[in-house]
């Protein structure tokens, strides 16, 4: 879309990657509202935590989704 994002979140159900709520478009939260997939993970950088939209709580995620390096930012 060409807009800036601060951090990325990955859906633990399907792997969709969206931007965080501090980013302009809040794609991760929009994905939850569209699909009902309840848990996201702090993905860029790997942050070791998750968020459950249903219960509105932070959760520890010891089994983080692996990455091969930092995700490039194009802006």
N, C-alpha and C. Protein backbone atom coordinates (compact mmCIF):
# COMPACT_ATOMS: atom_id res chain seq x y z
N UNK A 1 0.82 -1.20 0.00
CA UNK A 1 0.00 0.00 0.00
C UNK A 1 0.86 1.26 0.00
N UNK A 2 2.12 1.09 0.32
CA UNK A 2 3.02 2.23 0.32
C UNK A 2 3.01 3.06 1.59
N UNK A 3 2.25 2.63 2.59
CA UNK A 3 2.22 3.38 3.85
C UNK A 3 3.22 2.79 4.83
N UNK A 4 3.55 3.56 5.84
CA UNK A 4 4.51 3.11 6.86
C UNK A 4 3.84 2.17 7.85
N UNK A 5 4.62 1.25 8.40
CA UNK A 5 4.15 0.40 9.48
C UNK A 5 5.23 0.36 10.54
N UNK A 6 4.81 0.13 11.77
CA UNK A 6 5.76 0.11 12.89
C UNK A 6 6.23 -1.29 13.22
N UNK A 7 5.30 -2.21 13.40
CA UNK A 7 5.62 -3.60 13.74
C UNK A 7 4.64 -4.50 13.01
N UNK A 8 5.08 -5.70 12.74
CA UNK A 8 4.20 -6.67 12.09
C UNK A 8 3.73 -7.71 13.09
N UNK A 9 2.55 -8.22 12.83
CA UNK A 9 1.95 -9.28 13.63
C UNK A 9 1.59 -10.42 12.69
N UNK A 10 1.74 -11.65 13.16
CA UNK A 10 1.40 -12.81 12.34
C UNK A 10 0.27 -13.58 13.03
N UNK A 11 -0.71 -13.97 12.25
CA UNK A 11 -1.84 -14.75 12.77
C UNK A 11 -1.37 -16.17 13.04
N UNK A 12 -1.61 -16.65 14.25
CA UNK A 12 -1.17 -17.99 14.63
C UNK A 12 -2.08 -19.07 14.05
N UNK A 13 -3.20 -18.68 13.47
CA UNK A 13 -4.09 -19.66 12.85
C UNK A 13 -3.73 -19.91 11.39
N UNK A 14 -3.52 -18.83 10.62
CA UNK A 14 -3.34 -19.00 9.17
C UNK A 14 -2.05 -18.41 8.61
N UNK A 15 -1.30 -17.64 9.41
CA UNK A 15 -0.05 -17.07 8.93
C UNK A 15 -0.17 -15.73 8.26
N UNK A 16 -1.36 -15.14 8.24
CA UNK A 16 -1.52 -13.80 7.66
C UNK A 16 -0.65 -12.81 8.42
N UNK A 17 0.06 -11.96 7.70
CA UNK A 17 0.90 -10.95 8.33
C UNK A 17 0.24 -9.59 8.13
N UNK A 18 0.07 -8.86 9.23
CA UNK A 18 -0.53 -7.53 9.18
C UNK A 18 0.19 -6.60 10.13
N UNK A 19 -0.04 -5.32 9.93
CA UNK A 19 0.63 -4.32 10.77
C UNK A 19 -0.10 -4.15 12.11
N UNK A 20 0.64 -3.61 13.08
CA UNK A 20 0.13 -3.46 14.44
C UNK A 20 -0.86 -2.29 14.55
N UNK A 21 -1.44 -2.15 15.72
CA UNK A 21 -2.43 -1.09 15.94
C UNK A 21 -1.82 0.30 16.03
N UNK A 22 -0.51 0.41 16.16
CA UNK A 22 0.12 1.73 16.13
C UNK A 22 0.43 2.16 14.70
N UNK A 23 0.24 1.27 13.74
CA UNK A 23 0.41 1.58 12.33
C UNK A 23 -0.92 2.13 11.79
N UNK A 24 -0.86 2.91 10.72
CA UNK A 24 -2.08 3.59 10.24
C UNK A 24 -3.26 2.68 9.90
N UNK A 25 -3.02 1.51 9.31
CA UNK A 25 -4.14 0.72 8.80
C UNK A 25 -4.57 -0.44 9.70
N UNK A 26 -3.78 -0.77 10.71
CA UNK A 26 -4.14 -1.80 11.70
C UNK A 26 -4.63 -3.10 11.06
N UNK A 27 -3.86 -3.62 10.10
CA UNK A 27 -4.29 -4.80 9.36
C UNK A 27 -4.42 -6.05 10.21
N UNK A 28 -3.62 -6.21 11.25
CA UNK A 28 -3.73 -7.40 12.09
C UNK A 28 -5.08 -7.45 12.80
N UNK A 29 -5.49 -6.34 13.36
CA UNK A 29 -6.80 -6.29 14.03
C UNK A 29 -7.94 -6.45 13.03
N UNK A 30 -7.80 -5.85 11.86
CA UNK A 30 -8.82 -6.00 10.82
C UNK A 30 -8.95 -7.47 10.42
N UNK A 31 -7.83 -8.17 10.35
CA UNK A 31 -7.86 -9.61 10.02
C UNK A 31 -8.64 -10.38 11.08
N UNK A 32 -8.45 -10.07 12.34
CA UNK A 32 -9.23 -10.72 13.39
C UNK A 32 -10.72 -10.48 13.20
N UNK A 33 -11.10 -9.25 12.93
CA UNK A 33 -12.53 -8.93 12.76
C UNK A 33 -13.12 -9.62 11.54
N UNK A 34 -12.32 -9.81 10.50
CA UNK A 34 -12.81 -10.48 9.29
C UNK A 34 -12.90 -12.00 9.45
N UNK A 35 -11.97 -12.60 10.21
CA UNK A 35 -11.87 -14.06 10.25
C UNK A 35 -12.23 -14.69 11.59
N UNK A 36 -12.08 -13.93 12.67
CA UNK A 36 -12.27 -14.50 14.00
C UNK A 36 -11.06 -15.26 14.51
N UNK A 37 -9.95 -15.24 13.77
CA UNK A 37 -8.72 -15.90 14.24
C UNK A 37 -8.22 -15.15 15.46
N UNK A 38 -8.15 -15.82 16.62
CA UNK A 38 -8.01 -15.10 17.88
C UNK A 38 -6.61 -14.65 18.30
N UNK A 39 -5.54 -15.30 17.82
CA UNK A 39 -4.22 -15.03 18.41
C UNK A 39 -3.23 -14.55 17.35
N UNK A 40 -2.56 -13.44 17.67
CA UNK A 40 -1.48 -12.94 16.85
C UNK A 40 -0.18 -13.02 17.63
N UNK A 41 0.91 -12.96 16.90
CA UNK A 41 2.25 -13.00 17.49
C UNK A 41 3.01 -11.76 17.06
N UNK A 42 3.77 -11.17 17.98
CA UNK A 42 4.67 -10.09 17.60
C UNK A 42 5.73 -10.66 16.68
N UNK A 43 5.78 -10.23 15.40
CA UNK A 43 6.56 -10.92 14.38
C UNK A 43 7.81 -10.19 13.91
N UNK A 44 7.79 -8.90 13.86
CA UNK A 44 8.97 -8.17 13.37
C UNK A 44 9.28 -6.98 14.25
N UNK A 45 10.29 -7.08 15.06
CA UNK A 45 11.16 -8.25 15.24
C UNK A 45 10.44 -9.31 16.06
N UNK A 46 10.94 -10.57 16.07
CA UNK A 46 10.31 -11.58 16.92
C UNK A 46 10.31 -11.09 18.38
N UNK A 47 9.15 -11.08 18.99
CA UNK A 47 9.01 -10.46 20.30
C UNK A 47 8.70 -11.44 21.42
N UNK A 48 8.36 -12.70 21.10
CA UNK A 48 8.15 -13.70 22.14
C UNK A 48 6.83 -13.60 22.88
N UNK A 49 5.89 -12.85 22.34
CA UNK A 49 4.60 -12.72 23.00
C UNK A 49 3.50 -12.80 21.95
N UNK A 50 2.30 -13.01 22.43
CA UNK A 50 1.13 -13.01 21.56
C UNK A 50 0.02 -12.22 22.21
N UNK A 51 -1.04 -12.02 21.45
CA UNK A 51 -2.21 -11.31 21.94
C UNK A 51 -3.44 -12.10 21.55
N UNK A 52 -4.32 -12.32 22.51
CA UNK A 52 -5.60 -12.97 22.25
C UNK A 52 -6.67 -11.89 22.16
N UNK A 53 -7.22 -11.72 20.96
CA UNK A 53 -8.25 -10.70 20.77
C UNK A 53 -9.53 -11.03 21.53
N UNK A 54 -9.85 -12.30 21.64
CA UNK A 54 -11.10 -12.71 22.30
C UNK A 54 -11.07 -12.35 23.79
N UNK A 55 -9.98 -12.74 24.46
CA UNK A 55 -9.87 -12.50 25.90
C UNK A 55 -9.19 -11.17 26.24
N UNK A 56 -8.64 -10.51 25.21
CA UNK A 56 -7.93 -9.23 25.37
C UNK A 56 -6.81 -9.33 26.41
N UNK A 57 -5.96 -10.36 26.23
CA UNK A 57 -4.82 -10.55 27.12
C UNK A 57 -3.57 -10.88 26.32
N UNK A 58 -2.42 -10.49 26.88
CA UNK A 58 -1.14 -10.86 26.30
C UNK A 58 -0.79 -12.26 26.79
N UNK A 59 -0.20 -13.06 25.91
CA UNK A 59 0.19 -14.42 26.27
C UNK A 59 1.64 -14.65 25.85
N UNK A 60 2.34 -15.48 26.60
CA UNK A 60 3.70 -15.86 26.24
C UNK A 60 3.68 -16.90 25.14
N UNK A 61 4.60 -16.78 24.21
CA UNK A 61 4.68 -17.74 23.12
C UNK A 61 6.11 -18.28 23.03
N UNK A 62 6.39 -19.36 23.73
CA UNK A 62 7.75 -19.90 23.68
C UNK A 62 8.10 -20.51 22.32
N UNK A 63 7.09 -20.87 21.54
CA UNK A 63 7.32 -21.47 20.22
C UNK A 63 7.07 -20.43 19.12
N UNK A 64 7.93 -19.45 19.05
CA UNK A 64 7.76 -18.37 18.09
C UNK A 64 7.89 -18.86 16.65
N UNK A 65 7.22 -18.18 15.75
CA UNK A 65 7.34 -18.46 14.33
C UNK A 65 8.74 -18.05 13.88
N UNK A 66 9.42 -18.95 13.19
CA UNK A 66 10.80 -18.67 12.80
C UNK A 66 10.87 -17.69 11.63
N UNK A 67 11.97 -16.94 11.59
CA UNK A 67 12.26 -16.01 10.51
C UNK A 67 13.67 -16.26 10.03
N UNK A 68 13.95 -15.89 8.80
CA UNK A 68 15.29 -16.04 8.25
C UNK A 68 16.07 -14.74 8.31
N UNK A 69 15.55 -13.74 8.96
CA UNK A 69 16.22 -12.45 9.07
C UNK A 69 15.19 -11.34 9.16
N UNK A 70 15.64 -10.11 9.31
CA UNK A 70 14.69 -9.01 9.44
C UNK A 70 13.89 -8.81 8.16
N UNK A 71 12.69 -8.36 8.32
CA UNK A 71 11.82 -8.09 7.18
C UNK A 71 12.15 -6.70 6.67
N UNK A 72 12.44 -6.56 5.37
CA UNK A 72 12.81 -5.23 4.85
C UNK A 72 11.64 -4.25 4.89
N UNK A 73 11.95 -3.01 5.13
CA UNK A 73 10.94 -1.95 5.14
C UNK A 73 11.17 -1.08 3.92
N UNK A 74 10.14 -0.88 3.15
CA UNK A 74 10.24 -0.09 1.92
C UNK A 74 9.46 1.20 2.09
N UNK A 75 10.13 2.24 2.57
CA UNK A 75 9.54 3.58 2.64
C UNK A 75 10.61 4.61 2.65
